[in-house]
Amino acid sequence: MRSTPLSQLDRARQGADVTRAELVRRTAQVLADLAADAEGRPRRELPHLALHGLGDQLAVTGADVLAHGDPPALAAALEAVLELRRGL
């Protein structure tokens, strides 16, 4: 993700209806929600970061799930990241 050129993040894959950046944002939100659920805190909408911040946002939300998630949360996080990978 961090090695993806910013010019590619701002475009959709051929045949896709959303940009790669939007896919990353959606995945980061899923991970943030999983982490919030695991920690027993309310879900919050993530801030809309510029393209160059998306890799860090994804990394932080993923780390939160790894730190606090139970096996079902980890499985859901893995599926979300794999879906992102397929979409990029």
PDB file of N, CA and C in Angstrom:
ATOM      1  N   MET A   1       0.821  -1.183   0.000  1.00  0.00           N
ATOM      2  CA  MET A   1       0.000   0.000   0.000  1.00  0.00           C
ATOM      3  C   MET A   1       0.866   1.247   0.000  1.00  0.00           C
ATOM      4  N   ARG A   2       1.846   1.293   0.842  1.00  0.00           N
ATOM      5  CA  ARG A   2       2.685   2.497   0.922  1.00  0.00           C
ATOM      6  C   ARG A   2       3.544   2.677  -0.315  1.00  0.00           C
ATOM      7  N   SER A   3       3.757   1.604  -1.051  1.00  0.00           N
ATOM      8  CA  SER A   3       4.578   1.717  -2.260  1.00  0.00           C
ATOM      9  C   SER A   3       3.740   2.010  -3.506  1.00  0.00           C
ATOM     10  N   THR A   4       2.439   2.060  -3.364  1.00  0.00           N
ATOM     11  CA  THR A   4       1.568   2.365  -4.494  1.00  0.00           C
ATOM     12  C   THR A   4       1.694   3.850  -4.837  1.00  0.00           C
ATOM     13  N   PRO A   5       1.964   4.167  -6.095  1.00  0.00           N
ATOM     14  CA  PRO A   5       2.049   5.583  -6.470  1.00  0.00           C
ATOM     15  C   PRO A   5       0.734   6.310  -6.195  1.00  0.00           C
ATOM     16  N   LEU A   6       0.837   7.537  -5.704  1.00  0.00           N
ATOM     17  CA  LEU A   6      -0.358   8.311  -5.376  1.00  0.00           C
ATOM     18  C   LEU A   6      -1.255   8.499  -6.594  1.00  0.00           C
ATOM     19  N   SER A   7      -0.652   8.582  -7.762  1.00  0.00           N
ATOM     20  CA  SER A   7      -1.446   8.760  -8.977  1.00  0.00           C
ATOM     21  C   SER A   7      -2.335   7.551  -9.238  1.00  0.00           C
ATOM     22  N   GLN A   8      -1.918   6.373  -8.800  1.00  0.00           N
ATOM     23  CA  GLN A   8      -2.752   5.185  -8.964  1.00  0.00           C
ATOM     24  C   GLN A   8      -3.840   5.105  -7.901  1.00  0.00           C
ATOM     25  N   LEU A   9      -3.555   5.598  -6.721  1.00  0.00           N
ATOM     26  CA  LEU A   9      -4.558   5.563  -5.657  1.00  0.00           C
ATOM     27  C   LEU A   9      -5.784   6.393  -5.998  1.00  0.00           C
ATOM     28  N   ASP A  10      -5.568   7.442  -6.737  1.00  0.00           N
ATOM     29  CA  ASP A  10      -6.647   8.359  -7.060  1.00  0.00           C
ATOM     30  C   ASP A  10      -7.470   7.911  -8.269  1.00  0.00           C
ATOM     31  N   ARG A  11      -7.178   6.725  -8.784  1.00  0.00           N
ATOM     32  CA  ARG A  11      -7.916   6.197  -9.933  1.00  0.00           C
ATOM     33  C   ARG A  11      -8.539   4.864  -9.571  1.00  0.00           C
ATOM     34  N   ALA A  12      -9.598   4.548 -10.272  1.00  0.00           N
ATOM     35  CA  ALA A  12     -10.241   3.244 -10.107  1.00  0.00           C
ATOM     36  C   ALA A  12      -9.577   2.245 -11.050  1.00  0.00           C
ATOM     37  N   ARG A  13      -9.594   0.995 -10.651  1.00  0.00           N
ATOM     38  CA  ARG A  13      -9.183  -0.063 -11.564  1.00  0.00           C
ATOM     39  C   ARG A  13     -10.174  -0.122 -12.705  1.00  0.00           C
ATOM     40  N   GLN A  14      -9.721  -0.630 -13.820  1.00  0.00           N
ATOM     41  CA  GLN A  14     -10.618  -0.768 -14.963  1.00  0.00           C
ATOM     42  C   GLN A  14     -11.818  -1.630 -14.564  1.00  0.00           C
ATOM     43  N   GLY A  15     -13.001  -1.122 -14.825  1.00  0.00           N
ATOM     44  CA  GLY A  15     -14.222  -1.836 -14.488  1.00  0.00           C
ATOM     45  C   GLY A  15     -14.722  -1.602 -13.073  1.00  0.00           C
ATOM     46  N   ALA A  16     -13.959  -0.896 -12.247  1.00  0.00           N
ATOM     47  CA  ALA A  16     -14.373  -0.620 -10.866  1.00  0.00           C
ATOM     48  C   ALA A  16     -15.112   0.711 -10.802  1.00  0.00           C
ATOM     49  N   ASP A  17     -15.973   0.837  -9.811  1.00  0.00           N
ATOM     50  CA  ASP A  17     -16.748   2.075  -9.686  1.00  0.00           C
ATOM     51  C   ASP A  17     -16.229   3.019  -8.603  1.00  0.00           C
ATOM     52  N   VAL A  18     -15.192   2.612  -7.877  1.00  0.00           N
ATOM     53  CA  VAL A  18     -14.597   3.488  -6.858  1.00  0.00           C
ATOM     54  C   VAL A  18     -13.080   3.495  -7.028  1.00  0.00           C
ATOM     55  N   THR A  19     -12.473   4.552  -6.532  1.00  0.00           N
ATOM     56  CA  THR A  19     -11.014   4.653  -6.627  1.00  0.00           C
ATOM     57  C   THR A  19     -10.345   3.683  -5.657  1.00  0.00           C
ATOM     58  N   ARG A  20      -9.092   3.434  -5.908  1.00  0.00           N
ATOM     59  CA  ARG A  20      -8.317   2.602  -4.985  1.00  0.00           C
ATOM     60  C   ARG A  20      -8.254   3.259  -3.611  1.00  0.00           C
ATOM     61  N   ALA A  21      -8.150   4.579  -3.587  1.00  0.00           N
ATOM     62  CA  ALA A  21      -8.109   5.304  -2.313  1.00  0.00           C
ATOM     63  C   ALA A  21      -9.381   5.056  -1.513  1.00  0.00           C
ATOM     64  N   GLU A  22     -10.523   5.045  -2.175  1.00  0.00           N
ATOM     65  CA  GLU A  22     -11.781   4.791  -1.480  1.00  0.00           C
ATOM     66  C   GLU A  22     -11.817   3.369  -0.931  1.00  0.00           C
ATOM     67  N   LEU A  23     -11.269   2.420  -1.663  1.00  0.00           N
ATOM     68  CA  LEU A  23     -11.185   1.047  -1.153  1.00  0.00           C
ATOM     69  C   LEU A  23     -10.338   0.989   0.116  1.00  0.00           C
ATOM     70  N   VAL A  24      -9.225   1.712   0.125  1.00  0.00           N
ATOM     71  CA  VAL A  24      -8.362   1.745   1.307  1.00  0.00           C
ATOM     72  C   VAL A  24      -9.097   2.397   2.469  1.00  0.00           C
ATOM     73  N   ARG A  25      -9.775   3.506   2.204  1.00  0.00           N
ATOM     74  CA  ARG A  25     -10.525   4.192   3.266  1.00  0.00           C
ATOM     75  C   ARG A  25     -11.597   3.282   3.865  1.00  0.00           C
ATOM     76  N   ARG A  26     -12.308   2.577   2.998  1.00  0.00           N
ATOM     77  CA  ARG A  26     -13.358   1.675   3.483  1.00  0.00           C
ATOM     78  C   ARG A  26     -12.768   0.547   4.323  1.00  0.00           C
ATOM     79  N   THR A  27     -11.639   0.018   3.895  1.00  0.00           N
ATOM     80  CA  THR A  27     -11.004  -1.062   4.648  1.00  0.00           C
ATOM     81  C   THR A  27     -10.507  -0.556   5.997  1.00  0.00           C
ATOM     82  N   ALA A  28      -9.907   0.620   6.006  1.00  0.00           N
ATOM     83  CA  ALA A  28      -9.444   1.195   7.273  1.00  0.00           C
ATOM     84  C   ALA A  28     -10.624   1.395   8.225  1.00  0.00           C
ATOM     85  N   GLN A  29     -11.780   1.800   7.693  1.00  0.00           N
ATOM     86  CA  GLN A  29     -12.955   1.981   8.541  1.00  0.00           C
ATOM     87  C   GLN A  29     -13.432   0.646   9.105  1.00  0.00           C
ATOM     88  N   VAL A  30     -13.431  -0.392   8.279  1.00  0.00           N
ATOM     89  CA  VAL A  30     -13.811  -1.727   8.766  1.00  0.00           C
ATOM     90  C   VAL A  30     -12.877  -2.145   9.901  1.00  0.00           C
ATOM     91  N   LEU A  31     -11.581  -1.944   9.713  1.00  0.00           N
ATOM     92  CA  LEU A  31     -10.611  -2.325  10.744  1.00  0.00           C
ATOM     93  C   LEU A  31     -10.812  -1.493  12.015  1.00  0.00           C
ATOM     94  N   ALA A  32     -11.069  -0.208  11.851  1.00  0.00           N
ATOM     95  CA  ALA A  32     -11.311   0.646  13.016  1.00  0.00           C
ATOM     96  C   ALA A  32     -12.553   0.191  13.774  1.00  0.00           C
ATOM     97  N   ASP A  33     -13.590  -0.191  13.034  1.00  0.00           N
ATOM     98  CA  ASP A  33     -14.817  -0.675  13.681  1.00  0.00           C
ATOM     99  C   ASP A  33     -14.571  -1.980  14.429  1.00  0.00           C
ATOM    100  N   LEU A  34     -13.809  -2.879  13.823  1.00  0.00           N
ATOM    101  CA  LEU A  34     -13.479  -4.141  14.496  1.00  0.00           C
ATOM    102  C   LEU A  34     -12.697  -3.888  15.779  1.00  0.00           C
ATOM    103  N   ALA A  35     -11.743  -2.961  15.722  1.00  0.00           N
ATOM    104  CA  ALA A  35     -10.951  -2.640  16.914  1.00  0.00           C
ATOM    105  C   ALA A  35     -11.827  -2.002  17.995  1.00  0.00           C
ATOM    106  N   ALA A  36     -12.714  -1.092  17.595  1.00  0.00           N
ATOM    107  CA  ALA A  36     -13.602  -0.448  18.572  1.00  0.00           C
ATOM    108  C   ALA A  36     -14.487  -1.483  19.244  1.00  0.00           C
ATOM    109  N   ASP A  37     -15.047  -2.391  18.454  1.00  0.00           N
ATOM    110  CA  ASP A  37     -15.884  -3.442  19.025  1.00  0.00           C
ATOM    111  C   ASP A  37     -15.090  -4.301  20.010  1.00  0.00           C
ATOM    112  N   ALA A  38     -13.864  -4.640  19.629  1.00  0.00           N
ATOM    113  CA  ALA A  38     -13.025  -5.487  20.482  1.00  0.00           C
ATOM    114  C   ALA A  38     -12.674  -4.797  21.798  1.00  0.00           C
ATOM    115  N   GLU A  39     -12.523  -3.490  21.740  1.00  0.00           N
ATOM    116  CA  GLU A  39     -12.169  -2.726  22.939  1.00  0.00           C
ATOM    117  C   GLU A  39     -13.398  -2.277  23.731  1.00  0.00           C
ATOM    118  N   GLY A  40     -14.592  -2.531  23.187  1.00  0.00           N
ATOM    119  CA  GLY A  40     -15.812  -2.127  23.875  1.00  0.00           C
ATOM    120  C   GLY A  40     -16.043  -0.631  23.871  1.00  0.00           C
ATOM    121  N   ARG A  41     -15.563   0.034  22.855  1.00  0.00           N
ATOM    122  CA  ARG A  41     -15.784   1.479  22.751  1.00  0.00           C
ATOM    123  C   ARG A  41     -16.657   1.773  21.535  1.00  0.00           C
ATOM    124  N   PRO A  42     -17.259   2.951  21.482  1.00  0.00           N
ATOM    125  CA  PRO A  42     -18.131   3.273  20.351  1.00  0.00           C
ATOM    126  C   PRO A  42     -17.355   3.386  19.043  1.00  0.00           C
ATOM    127  N   ARG A  43     -18.023   3.022  17.978  1.00  0.00           N
ATOM    128  CA  ARG A  43     -17.424   3.203  16.653  1.00  0.00           C
ATOM    129  C   ARG A  43     -17.451   4.687  16.303  1.00  0.00           C
ATOM    130  N   ARG A  44     -16.388   5.102  15.614  1.00  0.00           N
ATOM    131  CA  ARG A  44     -16.302   6.495  15.157  1.00  0.00           C
ATOM    132  C   ARG A  44     -15.870   6.505  13.701  1.00  0.00           C
ATOM    133  N   GLU A  45     -16.339   7.482  12.978  1.00  0.00           N
ATOM    134  CA  GLU A  45     -15.925   7.623  11.586  1.00  0.00           C
ATOM    135  C   GLU A  45     -14.483   8.130  11.549  1.00  0.00           C
ATOM    136  N   LEU A  46     -13.667   7.478  10.728  1.00  0.00           N
ATOM    137  CA  LEU A  46     -12.284   7.909  10.582  1.00  0.00           C
ATOM    138  C   LEU A  46     -12.220   9.226   9.821  1.00  0.00           C
ATOM    139  N   PRO A  47     -11.210  10.032  10.100  1.00  0.00           N
ATOM    140  CA  PRO A  47     -11.045  11.260   9.320  1.00  0.00           C
ATOM    141  C   PRO A  47     -10.682  10.930   7.874  1.00  0.00           C
ATOM    142  N   HIS A  48     -11.087  11.777   6.972  1.00  0.00           N
ATOM    143  CA  HIS A  48     -10.799  11.612   5.549  1.00  0.00           C
ATOM    144  C   HIS A  48      -9.417  12.215   5.286  1.00  0.00           C
ATOM    145  N   LEU A  49      -8.408  11.358   5.201  1.00  0.00           N
ATOM    146  CA  LEU A  49      -7.036  11.820   5.017  1.00  0.00           C
ATOM    147  C   LEU A  49      -6.692  11.994   3.547  1.00  0.00           C
ATOM    148  N   ALA A  50      -5.671  12.781   3.303  1.00  0.00           N
ATOM    149  CA  ALA A  50      -5.135  12.921   1.950  1.00  0.00           C
ATOM    150  C   ALA A  50      -4.516  11.589   1.525  1.00  0.00           C
ATOM    151  N   LEU A  51      -4.306  11.450   0.237  1.00  0.00           N
ATOM    152  CA  LEU A  51      -3.794  10.191  -0.310  1.00  0.00           C
ATOM    153  C   LEU A  51      -2.532   9.713   0.390  1.00  0.00           C
ATOM    154  N   HIS A  52      -1.616  10.627   0.679  1.00  0.00           N
ATOM    155  CA  HIS A  52      -0.338  10.209   1.258  1.00  0.00           C
ATOM    156  C   HIS A  52      -0.475   9.693   2.695  1.00  0.00           C
ATOM    157  N   GLY A  53      -1.607   9.884   3.343  1.00  0.00           N
ATOM    158  CA  GLY A  53      -1.803   9.404   4.709  1.00  0.00           C
ATOM    159  C   GLY A  53      -2.553   8.083   4.808  1.00  0.00           C
ATOM    160  N   LEU A  54      -3.043   7.579   3.680  1.00  0.00           N
ATOM    161  CA  LEU A  54      -3.876   6.383   3.729  1.00  0.00           C
ATOM    162  C   LEU A  54      -3.130   5.134   4.176  1.00  0.00           C
ATOM    163  N   GLY A  55      -1.900   4.979   3.759  1.00  0.00           N
ATOM    164  CA  GLY A  55      -1.121   3.810   4.173  1.00  0.00           C
ATOM    165  C   GLY A  55      -0.941   3.762   5.677  1.00  0.00           C
ATOM    166  N   ASP A  56      -0.662   4.921   6.263  1.00  0.00           N
ATOM    167  CA  ASP A  56      -0.508   4.980   7.721  1.00  0.00           C
ATOM    168  C   ASP A  56      -1.828   4.716   8.429  1.00  0.00           C
ATOM    169  N   GLN A  57      -2.918   5.257   7.889  1.00  0.00           N
ATOM    170  CA  GLN A  57      -4.226   5.035   8.509  1.00  0.00           C
ATOM    171  C   GLN A  57      -4.575   3.550   8.497  1.00  0.00           C
ATOM    172  N   LEU A  58      -4.303   2.902   7.385  1.00  0.00           N
ATOM    173  CA  LEU A  58      -4.562   1.471   7.278  1.00  0.00           C
ATOM    174  C   LEU A  58      -3.680   0.693   8.249  1.00  0.00           C
ATOM    175  N   ALA A  59      -2.422   1.075   8.355  1.00  0.00           N
ATOM    176  CA  ALA A  59      -1.493   0.382   9.255  1.00  0.00           C
ATOM    177  C   ALA A  59      -1.916   0.537  10.722  1.00  0.00           C
ATOM    178  N   VAL A  60      -2.313   1.719  11.111  1.00  0.00           N
ATOM    179  CA  VAL A  60      -2.704   1.972  12.506  1.00  0.00           C
ATOM    180  C   VAL A  60      -3.973   1.209  12.859  1.00  0.00           C
ATOM    181  N   THR A  61      -4.967   1.256  11.986  1.00  0.00           N
ATOM    182  CA  THR A  61      -6.205   0.549  12.292  1.00  0.00           C
ATOM    183  C   THR A  61      -5.983  -0.961  12.305  1.00  0.00           C
ATOM    184  N   GLY A  62      -5.122  -1.440  11.424  1.00  0.00           N
ATOM    185  CA  GLY A  62      -4.786  -2.865  11.435  1.00  0.00           C
ATOM    186  C   GLY A  62      -4.071  -3.268  12.711  1.00  0.00           C
ATOM    187  N   ALA A  63      -3.153  -2.434  13.167  1.00  0.00           N
ATOM    188  CA  ALA A  63      -2.426  -2.722  14.407  1.00  0.00           C
ATOM    189  C   ALA A  63      -3.377  -2.747  15.602  1.00  0.00           C
ATOM    190  N   ASP A  64      -4.373  -1.871  15.582  1.00  0.00           N
ATOM    191  CA  ASP A  64      -5.351  -1.856  16.671  1.00  0.00           C
ATOM    192  C   ASP A  64      -6.138  -3.170  16.733  1.00  0.00           C
ATOM    193  N   VAL A  65      -6.523  -3.690  15.573  1.00  0.00           N
ATOM    194  CA  VAL A  65      -7.240  -4.968  15.560  1.00  0.00           C
ATOM    195  C   VAL A  65      -6.324  -6.078  16.054  1.00  0.00           C
ATOM    196  N   LEU A  66      -5.086  -6.071  15.603  1.00  0.00           N
ATOM    197  CA  LEU A  66      -4.143  -7.101  16.055  1.00  0.00           C
ATOM    198  C   LEU A  66      -3.927  -7.057  17.562  1.00  0.00           C
ATOM    199  N   ALA A  67      -3.903  -5.867  18.113  1.00  0.00           N
ATOM    200  CA  ALA A  67      -3.646  -5.714  19.548  1.00  0.00           C
ATOM    201  C   ALA A  67      -4.841  -6.102  20.407  1.00  0.00           C
ATOM    202  N   HIS A  68      -6.052  -5.898  19.906  1.00  0.00           N
ATOM    203  CA  HIS A  68      -7.228  -6.050  20.761  1.00  0.00           C
ATOM    204  C   HIS A  68      -8.250  -7.064  20.286  1.00  0.00           C
ATOM    205  N   GLY A  69      -8.120  -7.519  19.046  1.00  0.00           N
ATOM    206  CA  GLY A  69      -9.148  -8.373  18.478  1.00  0.00           C
ATOM    207  C   GLY A  69      -9.091  -9.813  18.949  1.00  0.00           C
ATOM    208  N   ASP A  70     -10.267 -10.429  19.021  1.00  0.00           N
ATOM    209  CA  ASP A  70     -10.366 -11.853  19.307  1.00  0.00           C
ATOM    210  C   ASP A  70     -10.284 -12.609  17.970  1.00  0.00           C
ATOM    211  N   PRO A  71     -10.254 -13.933  17.995  1.00  0.00           N
ATOM    212  CA  PRO A  71     -10.119 -14.682  16.741  1.00  0.00           C
ATOM    213  C   PRO A  71     -11.155 -14.324  15.668  1.00  0.00           C
ATOM    214  N   PRO A  72     -12.444 -14.159  15.989  1.00  0.00           N
ATOM    215  CA  PRO A  72     -13.378 -13.758  14.934  1.00  0.00           C
ATOM    216  C   PRO A  72     -13.068 -12.372  14.348  1.00  0.00           C
ATOM    217  N   ALA A  73     -12.646 -11.442  15.200  1.00  0.00           N
ATOM    218  CA  ALA A  73     -12.283 -10.106  14.713  1.00  0.00           C
ATOM    219  C   ALA A  73     -11.054 -10.184  13.818  1.00  0.00           C
ATOM    220  N   LEU A  74     -10.088 -11.003  14.206  1.00  0.00           N
ATOM    221  CA  LEU A  74      -8.885 -11.164  13.388  1.00  0.00           C
ATOM    222  C   LEU A  74      -9.227 -11.797  12.041  1.00  0.00           C
ATOM    223  N   ALA A  75     -10.130 -12.762  12.048  1.00  0.00           N
ATOM    224  CA  ALA A  75     -10.551 -13.391  10.790  1.00  0.00           C
ATOM    225  C   ALA A  75     -11.262 -12.380   9.896  1.00  0.00           C
ATOM    226  N   ALA A  76     -12.113 -11.547  10.478  1.00  0.00           N
ATOM    227  CA  ALA A  76     -12.807 -10.524   9.703  1.00  0.00           C
ATOM    228  C   ALA A  76     -11.830  -9.491   9.151  1.00  0.00           C
ATOM    229  N   ALA A  77     -10.831  -9.141   9.945  1.00  0.00           N
ATOM    230  CA  ALA A  77      -9.812  -8.197   9.490  1.00  0.00           C
ATOM    231  C   ALA A  77      -9.018  -8.780   8.332  1.00  0.00           C
ATOM    232  N   LEU A  78      -8.657 -10.045   8.446  1.00  0.00           N
ATOM    233  CA  LEU A  78      -7.925 -10.698   7.366  1.00  0.00           C
ATOM    234  C   LEU A  78      -8.747 -10.689   6.086  1.00  0.00           C
ATOM    235  N   GLU A  79     -10.020 -11.000   6.183  1.00  0.00           N
ATOM    236  CA  GLU A  79     -10.879 -11.006   4.996  1.00  0.00           C
ATOM    237  C   GLU A  79     -10.978  -9.605   4.382  1.00  0.00           C
ATOM    238  N   ALA A  80     -11.080  -8.593   5.223  1.00  0.00           N
ATOM    239  CA  ALA A  80     -11.158  -7.219   4.728  1.00  0.00           C
ATOM    240  C   ALA A  80      -9.882  -6.829   3.986  1.00  0.00           C
ATOM    241  N   VAL A  81      -8.745  -7.198   4.542  1.00  0.00           N
ATOM    242  CA  VAL A  81      -7.470  -6.861   3.904  1.00  0.00           C
ATOM    243  C   VAL A  81      -7.292  -7.655   2.608  1.00  0.00           C
ATOM    244  N   LEU A  82      -7.695  -8.909   2.602  1.00  0.00           N
ATOM    245  CA  LEU A  82      -7.604  -9.699   1.369  1.00  0.00           C
ATOM    246  C   LEU A  82      -8.514  -9.124   0.291  1.00  0.00           C
ATOM    247  N   GLU A  83      -9.692  -8.675   0.676  1.00  0.00           N
ATOM    248  CA  GLU A  83     -10.609  -8.057  -0.280  1.00  0.00           C
ATOM    249  C   GLU A  83     -10.000  -6.772  -0.847  1.00  0.00           C
ATOM    250  N   LEU A  84      -9.361  -5.995   0.016  1.00  0.00           N
ATOM    251  CA  LEU A  84      -8.672  -4.808  -0.448  1.00  0.00           C
ATOM    252  C   LEU A  84      -7.581  -5.176  -1.446  1.00  0.00           C
ATOM    253  N   ARG A  85      -6.811  -6.166  -1.111  1.00  0.00           N
ATOM    254  CA  ARG A  85      -5.725  -6.605  -2.000  1.00  0.00           C
ATOM    255  C   ARG A  85      -6.248  -6.999  -3.375  1.00  0.00           C
ATOM    256  N   ARG A  86      -7.381  -7.710  -3.379  1.00  0.00           N
ATOM    257  CA  ARG A  86      -7.984  -8.090  -4.664  1.00  0.00           C
ATOM    258  C   ARG A  86      -8.471  -6.861  -5.437  1.00  0.00           C
ATOM    259  N   GLY A  87      -8.903  -5.855  -4.707  1.00  0.00           N
ATOM    260  CA  GLY A  87      -9.426  -4.651  -5.358  1.00  0.00           C
ATOM    261  C   GLY A  87      -8.393  -3.677  -5.853  1.00  0.00           C
ATOM    262  N   LEU A  88      -7.193  -3.785  -5.334  1.00  0.00           N
ATOM    263  CA  LEU A  88      -6.144  -2.866  -5.773  1.00  0.00           C
ATOM    264  C   LEU A  88      -5.557  -3.311  -7.092  1.00  0.00           C
TER     265      LEU A  88
END
